[in-house]
Amino acid sequence: MITDSLVREKLGTVRYPGFSRDIVSFGLVKGIQVSGNDVTVEISLATRDANIPRQLHAEAVAALKTLAGIGEVRLNFDIKDPPQAAGQATTVGKSSIPGVKKIIAVASGKGGVGKSTVASNLAVALAKTGARVGLCDCDLYGPSIAHMFGTDERPLANDEQQIIPIQRYDLQLMSMGFLVDNESAVIVRGPIATRYVQQFLRQCAWDNLDYLVLDLPPGTGDIQLTIVQTVAVDGAIIVTTPQEVALIDARKASTMFGKVNVPILGLVENMSFFLCPDNGKAYPIFGQGGGEREAKRLGVPLLAQIPIEMSVREAGDEGHPIALVPTDKSAASKAFHELATKVVALV
């Protein structure tokens, strides 16, 4: 006998192209109707790639046909334009950055969730794919990129009076941390801070970058709004932790991007669990499943679950991001490289 649960179980074996998760856990299956042995499935997608629904149709039909006694299988696809298309009419005034092909913003609703760690390691992992990558630290008040990459080098200017980014680990870097001492506080009001960040973006000699990763300040203030309203950001990644207090602020960040028509690529759940070095057991210190539930609520993929490893903290303190470590030596490094692969596919 064909039942709703059997159909859902079979559809749970169909993975979304480019991801390890299935179409059921992604929330794409909106309805299942069983009439005798005939099955009708409603699937909702947000994509402009015609190959994705074709591939999903073929794989879903093949999976359902393995059910004993199955009759007619009908898949109805509701295909919508992704957020990028929705924002095209309102991107007047936005422009690209000279020397940069794709811009990826890494944001969080609150501080302390490891946003800079995610941005730094994502940039390193992207560079490991052979791409030319830059990383711009847009957090003027709490710059951390200089420390995380182990350099206090001062940037120079070229003949066009453009700032030359610092080179480190095959990355082009810019941060207020390269311009001030560690003990010096940046005490400026919002409009001046915004002007500094715009100089980092537009008056920096970015050299033929495939990707520029923006490490945004936490929250939804002047700097974040100015960047996403004036720069053509190709996609945003929201960093959170599993605990509810972080998820609440992640929703605020996602709302901000929605209002300025910046597509959200997905969520990254940092500090997802503590991976005990003695026995390899995972302990969900900050809760479990929060990132997955929030991603489903927002209708975006959960791109990565980054474990808590002492080596991540040690690597950041030593100026040697964990993504530089071979993936078979660190679960966190493996997660960051898998994140980079998904981001490349999305943008």
Protein backbone atom coordinates (compact mmCIF):
# COMPACT_ATOMS: atom_id res chain seq x y z
CA MET A 1 0.00 0.00 0.00
CA ILE A 2 1.38 3.39 -1.02
CA THR A 3 1.34 5.88 1.87
CA ASP A 4 2.39 9.49 2.40
CA SER A 5 5.21 8.42 4.73
CA LEU A 6 6.60 5.92 2.20
CA VAL A 7 6.61 8.57 -0.53
CA ARG A 8 8.30 11.08 1.77
CA GLU A 9 10.90 8.48 2.76
CA LYS A 10 11.79 7.83 -0.89
CA LEU A 11 11.95 11.53 -1.69
CA GLY A 12 14.34 11.86 1.23
CA THR A 13 16.92 10.01 -0.85
CA VAL A 14 16.88 12.69 -3.57
CA ARG A 15 19.62 15.24 -2.95
CA TYR A 16 19.50 18.82 -4.15
CA PRO A 17 22.19 19.29 -6.84
CA GLY A 18 25.45 20.45 -5.30
CA PHE A 19 24.41 19.69 -1.71
CA SER A 20 24.51 16.69 0.57
CA ARG A 21 21.00 17.39 1.89
CA ASP A 22 17.80 16.05 0.38
CA ILE A 23 14.79 17.92 -0.99
CA VAL A 24 12.60 16.93 1.97
CA SER A 25 14.92 18.31 4.65
CA PHE A 26 15.36 21.45 2.53
CA GLY A 27 11.58 21.95 2.77
CA LEU A 28 11.08 21.86 -1.01
CA VAL A 29 8.36 19.20 -0.89
CA LYS A 30 5.20 21.21 -0.25
CA GLY A 31 2.58 18.50 -0.64
CA ILE A 32 2.00 14.80 -1.30
CA GLN A 33 -1.28 13.33 -2.58
CA VAL A 34 -1.85 9.59 -2.77
CA SER A 35 -4.82 8.30 -4.75
CA GLY A 36 -4.82 4.52 -4.74
CA ASN A 37 -1.40 3.69 -6.15
CA ASP A 38 -1.01 7.02 -7.98
CA VAL A 39 1.13 9.75 -6.44
CA THR A 40 1.24 13.51 -6.99
CA VAL A 41 4.02 15.56 -5.41
CA GLU A 42 4.17 19.37 -5.18
CA ILE A 43 7.73 20.76 -5.22
CA SER A 44 8.66 24.42 -4.87
CA LEU A 45 12.00 25.75 -6.18
CA ALA A 46 13.71 29.14 -6.41
CA THR A 47 16.12 28.88 -9.32
CA ARG A 48 16.77 30.12 -12.84
CA ASP A 49 18.81 27.03 -13.74
CA ALA A 50 16.54 24.82 -15.88
CA ASN A 51 18.83 21.83 -15.30
CA ILE A 52 17.96 21.67 -11.59
CA PRO A 53 14.22 20.89 -11.93
CA ARG A 54 14.99 18.49 -14.78
CA GLN A 55 17.51 16.62 -12.65
CA LEU A 56 15.24 16.58 -9.61
CA HIS A 57 12.30 15.35 -11.70
CA ALA A 58 14.31 12.44 -13.09
CA GLU A 59 15.77 11.43 -9.73
CA ALA A 60 12.48 11.79 -7.83
CA VAL A 61 10.57 9.70 -10.37
CA ALA A 62 13.30 7.05 -10.31
CA ALA A 63 13.19 6.93 -6.51
CA LEU A 64 9.39 6.65 -6.34
CA LYS A 65 9.30 3.97 -9.03
CA THR A 66 11.17 1.67 -6.64
CA LEU A 67 8.03 1.51 -4.45
CA ALA A 68 6.28 -1.81 -4.94
CA GLY A 69 2.94 -1.41 -6.70
CA ILE A 70 3.45 2.26 -7.53
CA GLY A 71 1.17 3.57 -10.25
CA GLU A 72 1.32 6.92 -12.03
CA VAL A 73 3.83 9.43 -10.64
CA ARG A 74 3.18 13.13 -11.24
CA LEU A 75 5.53 15.91 -10.06
CA ASN A 76 4.26 19.48 -10.12
CA PHE A 77 7.06 22.06 -9.88
CA ASP A 78 6.40 25.60 -8.67
CA ILE A 79 9.51 27.41 -9.95
CA LYS A 80 10.05 30.95 -8.69
CA ASP A 81 12.73 33.49 -9.43
CA PRO A 82 15.49 33.50 -6.80
CA PRO A 83 16.05 36.61 -4.65
CA GLN A 84 18.58 37.97 -7.15
CA ALA A 85 15.91 38.38 -9.79
CA ALA A 86 13.52 40.00 -7.37
CA GLY A 87 16.07 42.67 -6.62
CA GLN A 88 17.15 43.51 -10.13
CA ALA A 89 14.66 46.34 -10.51
CA THR A 90 15.85 47.99 -7.31
CA THR A 91 19.62 47.74 -7.78
CA VAL A 92 19.84 51.19 -9.35
CA GLY A 93 22.73 52.98 -7.64
CA LYS A 94 24.57 49.76 -6.84
CA SER A 95 27.81 49.10 -8.68
CA SER A 96 30.56 46.55 -8.79
CA ILE A 97 34.02 47.07 -7.35
CA PRO A 98 36.84 47.51 -9.90
CA GLY A 99 38.96 44.39 -10.15
CA VAL A 100 36.34 42.16 -8.49
CA LYS A 101 34.03 39.63 -10.18
CA LYS A 102 31.94 38.34 -7.26
CA ILE A 103 31.24 39.88 -3.84
CA ILE A 104 30.21 37.69 -0.90
CA ALA A 105 29.16 39.27 2.41
CA VAL A 106 29.57 37.35 5.67
CA ALA A 107 27.29 38.76 8.36
CA SER A 108 25.80 38.05 11.76
CA GLY A 109 23.08 39.59 13.85
CA LYS A 110 25.28 39.70 16.94
CA GLY A 111 28.92 39.55 17.93
CA GLY A 112 30.69 36.53 19.36
CA VAL A 113 29.36 33.91 16.94
CA GLY A 114 32.65 33.53 15.05
CA LYS A 115 31.80 35.55 11.97
CA SER A 116 35.38 36.65 11.33
CA THR A 117 36.59 33.09 11.79
CA VAL A 118 34.09 31.91 9.18
CA ALA A 119 34.95 34.76 6.78
CA SER A 120 38.70 34.16 7.10
CA ASN A 121 38.53 30.43 6.61
CA LEU A 122 36.00 30.71 3.79
CA ALA A 123 38.40 33.06 1.99
CA VAL A 124 41.30 30.63 2.50
CA ALA A 125 39.22 27.67 1.30
CA LEU A 126 38.09 29.61 -1.79
CA ALA A 127 41.72 30.42 -2.59
CA LYS A 128 42.58 26.72 -2.28
CA THR A 129 40.24 26.05 -5.22
CA GLY A 130 42.62 28.06 -7.40
CA ALA A 131 40.52 31.22 -7.38
CA ARG A 132 41.91 34.71 -6.80
CA VAL A 133 40.40 35.85 -3.50
CA GLY A 134 40.37 38.99 -1.40
CA LEU A 135 39.15 39.55 2.15
CA CYS A 136 38.03 42.97 3.36
CA ASP A 137 37.54 43.52 7.09
CA CYS A 138 34.64 45.98 7.24
CA ASP A 139 34.52 45.99 11.05
CA LEU A 140 36.35 49.23 11.86
CA TYR A 141 35.68 49.15 15.58
CA GLY A 142 36.81 45.56 16.15
CA PRO A 143 39.12 44.57 13.28
CA SER A 144 40.50 41.05 13.68
CA ILE A 145 41.69 39.97 10.23
CA ALA A 146 45.23 41.30 10.74
CA HIS A 147 45.66 39.19 13.88
CA MET A 148 44.01 36.10 12.39
CA PHE A 149 46.44 36.20 9.47
CA GLY A 150 49.47 36.90 11.65
CA THR A 151 50.68 40.16 10.15
CA ASP A 152 50.96 43.80 11.21
CA GLU A 153 52.36 44.94 7.86
CA ARG A 154 51.38 48.45 6.81
CA PRO A 155 49.81 48.82 3.33
CA LEU A 156 51.38 51.07 0.70
CA ALA A 157 49.81 53.16 -2.07
CA ASN A 158 50.37 52.93 -5.81
CA ASP A 159 50.81 55.77 -8.31
CA GLU A 160 47.02 56.17 -8.56
CA GLN A 161 46.85 56.71 -4.78
CA GLN A 162 45.09 53.39 -4.32
CA ILE A 163 45.74 51.26 -1.24
CA ILE A 164 47.68 48.11 -2.12
CA PRO A 165 46.21 45.12 -0.23
CA ILE A 166 48.40 43.03 2.05
CA GLN A 167 49.34 39.65 0.56
CA ARG A 168 49.07 36.62 2.84
CA TYR A 169 48.45 32.93 2.06
CA ASP A 170 47.62 33.79 -1.58
CA LEU A 171 44.95 36.23 -0.38
CA GLN A 172 44.62 39.99 -0.80
CA LEU A 173 43.73 41.50 2.58
CA MET A 174 42.52 44.87 3.80
CA SER A 175 41.64 45.81 7.38
CA MET A 176 41.75 48.78 9.71
CA GLY A 177 43.99 46.50 11.77
CA PHE A 178 46.76 47.17 9.24
CA LEU A 179 46.47 50.93 9.79
CA VAL A 180 46.27 51.26 13.57
CA ASP A 181 48.08 49.67 16.51
CA ASN A 182 46.39 46.96 18.54
CA GLU A 183 46.06 49.34 21.48
CA SER A 184 44.50 52.13 19.42
CA ALA A 185 40.74 52.54 19.35
CA VAL A 186 38.94 53.74 16.24
CA ILE A 187 36.70 56.50 17.58
CA VAL A 188 34.61 57.85 14.72
CA ARG A 189 30.92 58.44 14.15
CA GLY A 190 28.85 56.43 11.69
CA PRO A 191 29.22 58.61 8.55
CA ILE A 192 33.02 58.73 8.89
CA ALA A 193 33.21 54.99 9.54
CA THR A 194 31.10 54.39 6.45
CA ARG A 195 33.45 56.57 4.39
CA TYR A 196 36.46 54.58 5.57
CA VAL A 197 34.82 51.30 4.56
CA GLN A 198 33.91 52.67 1.14
CA GLN A 199 37.55 53.63 0.66
CA PHE A 200 38.60 50.09 1.53
CA LEU A 201 36.22 48.77 -1.12
CA ARG A 202 36.57 51.27 -3.96
CA GLN A 203 40.01 52.86 -3.45
CA CYS A 204 41.83 49.60 -2.88
CA ALA A 205 43.87 48.13 -5.74
CA TRP A 206 42.11 44.78 -5.81
CA ASP A 207 43.96 42.76 -8.43
CA ASN A 208 41.66 40.73 -10.70
CA LEU A 209 39.73 38.94 -7.94
CA ASP A 210 37.30 36.11 -8.59
CA TYR A 211 35.81 36.59 -5.11
CA LEU A 212 35.93 39.38 -2.55
CA VAL A 213 34.72 38.25 0.88
CA LEU A 214 33.38 41.06 3.08
CA ASP A 215 33.62 40.50 6.82
CA LEU A 216 30.78 42.79 7.93
CA PRO A 217 30.42 44.20 11.46
CA PRO A 218 27.85 42.43 13.64
CA GLY A 219 24.33 43.84 13.66
CA THR A 220 22.40 45.97 11.20
CA GLY A 221 23.92 49.45 11.50
CA ASP A 222 25.12 52.21 9.20
CA ILE A 223 28.14 50.37 7.79
CA GLN A 224 26.21 47.23 6.85
CA LEU A 225 23.34 49.13 5.26
CA THR A 226 25.62 51.46 3.29
CA ILE A 227 27.64 48.56 1.90
CA VAL A 228 24.70 46.48 0.75
CA GLN A 229 22.87 49.49 -0.65
CA THR A 230 25.79 50.82 -2.72
CA VAL A 231 27.81 47.72 -3.65
CA ALA A 232 26.43 44.96 -5.88
CA VAL A 233 26.72 42.08 -3.41
CA ASP A 234 26.20 38.71 -5.10
CA GLY A 235 25.12 36.95 -1.94
CA ALA A 236 25.21 37.01 1.86
CA ILE A 237 26.03 34.29 4.36
CA ILE A 238 24.51 34.55 7.84
CA VAL A 239 26.63 33.14 10.67
CA THR A 240 24.92 31.97 13.84
CA THR A 241 25.28 29.48 16.65
CA PRO A 242 22.66 26.86 17.60
CA GLN A 243 21.38 28.76 20.64
CA GLU A 244 18.13 30.69 20.39
CA VAL A 245 19.58 34.06 21.41
CA ALA A 246 21.89 33.97 18.38
CA LEU A 247 19.14 32.74 16.06
CA ILE A 248 16.92 35.69 17.00
CA ASP A 249 19.60 38.12 15.86
CA ALA A 250 20.30 36.05 12.75
CA ARG A 251 16.69 36.65 11.72
CA LYS A 252 17.23 40.39 12.01
CA ALA A 253 20.28 40.21 9.76
CA SER A 254 18.38 38.17 7.19
CA THR A 255 15.54 40.70 7.29
CA MET A 256 17.98 43.52 6.54
CA PHE A 257 19.33 41.73 3.45
CA GLY A 258 15.80 41.01 2.30
CA LYS A 259 14.84 44.69 2.46
CA VAL A 260 17.79 45.73 0.29
CA ASN A 261 17.33 42.80 -2.12
CA VAL A 262 20.59 41.01 -1.40
CA PRO A 263 20.17 37.24 -1.88
CA ILE A 264 20.94 35.11 1.15
CA LEU A 265 23.08 32.16 0.12
CA GLY A 266 22.42 30.32 3.37
CA LEU A 267 23.24 29.94 7.04
CA VAL A 268 26.44 28.73 8.66
CA GLU A 269 26.02 27.22 12.11
CA ASN A 270 29.29 27.88 13.90
CA MET A 271 30.20 26.17 17.20
CA SER A 272 27.72 23.52 16.16
CA PHE A 273 29.14 20.94 18.56
CA PHE A 274 32.29 20.27 20.55
CA LEU A 275 34.32 17.49 19.01
CA CYS A 276 36.15 15.78 21.87
CA PRO A 277 39.77 15.16 20.83
CA ASP A 278 40.02 12.11 23.11
CA ASN A 279 37.16 10.00 21.80
CA GLY A 280 35.80 11.93 18.79
CA LYS A 281 32.37 12.23 20.41
CA ALA A 282 30.26 15.28 19.56
CA TYR A 283 28.76 17.34 22.40
CA PRO A 284 26.10 19.97 21.44
CA ILE A 285 27.20 22.56 24.02
CA PHE A 286 25.11 25.41 22.61
CA GLY A 287 22.07 23.33 21.67
CA GLN A 288 21.21 21.14 18.74
CA GLY A 289 19.34 21.67 15.48
CA GLY A 290 18.87 25.43 15.85
CA GLY A 291 20.64 26.34 12.63
CA GLU A 292 18.76 23.72 10.63
CA ARG A 293 15.37 24.88 11.96
CA GLU A 294 16.19 28.53 11.27
CA ALA A 295 17.43 27.78 7.75
CA LYS A 296 14.19 25.96 7.02
CA ARG A 297 12.17 28.86 8.46
CA LEU A 298 14.01 31.33 6.22
CA GLY A 299 13.79 29.04 3.20
CA VAL A 300 17.56 28.93 2.67
CA PRO A 301 20.08 26.08 2.90
CA LEU A 302 22.15 25.31 5.97
CA LEU A 303 25.52 25.56 4.26
CA ALA A 304 27.76 24.23 7.03
CA GLN A 305 27.94 23.11 10.64
CA ILE A 306 31.35 24.06 12.00
CA PRO A 307 32.49 22.08 15.07
CA ILE A 308 34.25 23.56 18.09
CA GLU A 309 37.88 22.47 17.94
CA MET A 310 40.70 23.81 20.04
CA SER A 311 42.82 23.88 16.90
CA VAL A 312 40.48 26.47 15.34
CA ARG A 313 41.15 28.89 18.18
CA GLU A 314 44.86 28.07 18.23
CA ALA A 315 45.18 28.55 14.48
CA GLY A 316 43.43 31.92 14.62
CA ASP A 317 45.61 33.13 17.49
CA GLU A 318 48.74 32.00 15.66
CA GLY A 319 47.76 33.78 12.44
CA HIS A 320 47.35 30.52 10.53
CA PRO A 321 43.64 29.90 9.71
CA ILE A 322 42.51 26.32 10.22
CA ALA A 323 41.44 25.98 6.55
CA LEU A 324 45.16 25.87 5.69
CA VAL A 325 45.36 22.54 7.53
CA PRO A 326 44.68 19.41 5.39
CA THR A 327 41.04 18.38 5.59
CA ASP A 328 41.93 14.90 6.86
CA LYS A 329 43.62 16.49 9.88
CA SER A 330 40.73 18.70 11.02
CA ALA A 331 36.94 18.32 10.90
CA ALA A 332 36.60 22.11 10.98
CA SER A 333 38.94 22.53 8.02
CA LYS A 334 36.93 19.95 6.09
CA ALA A 335 33.71 21.81 6.91
CA PHE A 336 35.15 25.12 5.67
CA HIS A 337 36.30 23.58 2.39
CA GLU A 338 32.88 22.00 1.86
CA LEU A 339 31.36 25.42 2.57
CA ALA A 340 33.57 26.99 -0.10
CA THR A 341 32.48 24.38 -2.64
CA LYS A 342 28.82 25.18 -1.99
CA VAL A 343 29.38 28.92 -2.16
CA VAL A 344 31.11 28.61 -5.54
CA ALA A 345 28.14 26.61 -6.84
CA LEU A 346 25.66 29.20 -5.55
CA VAL A 347 27.30 32.37 -6.87
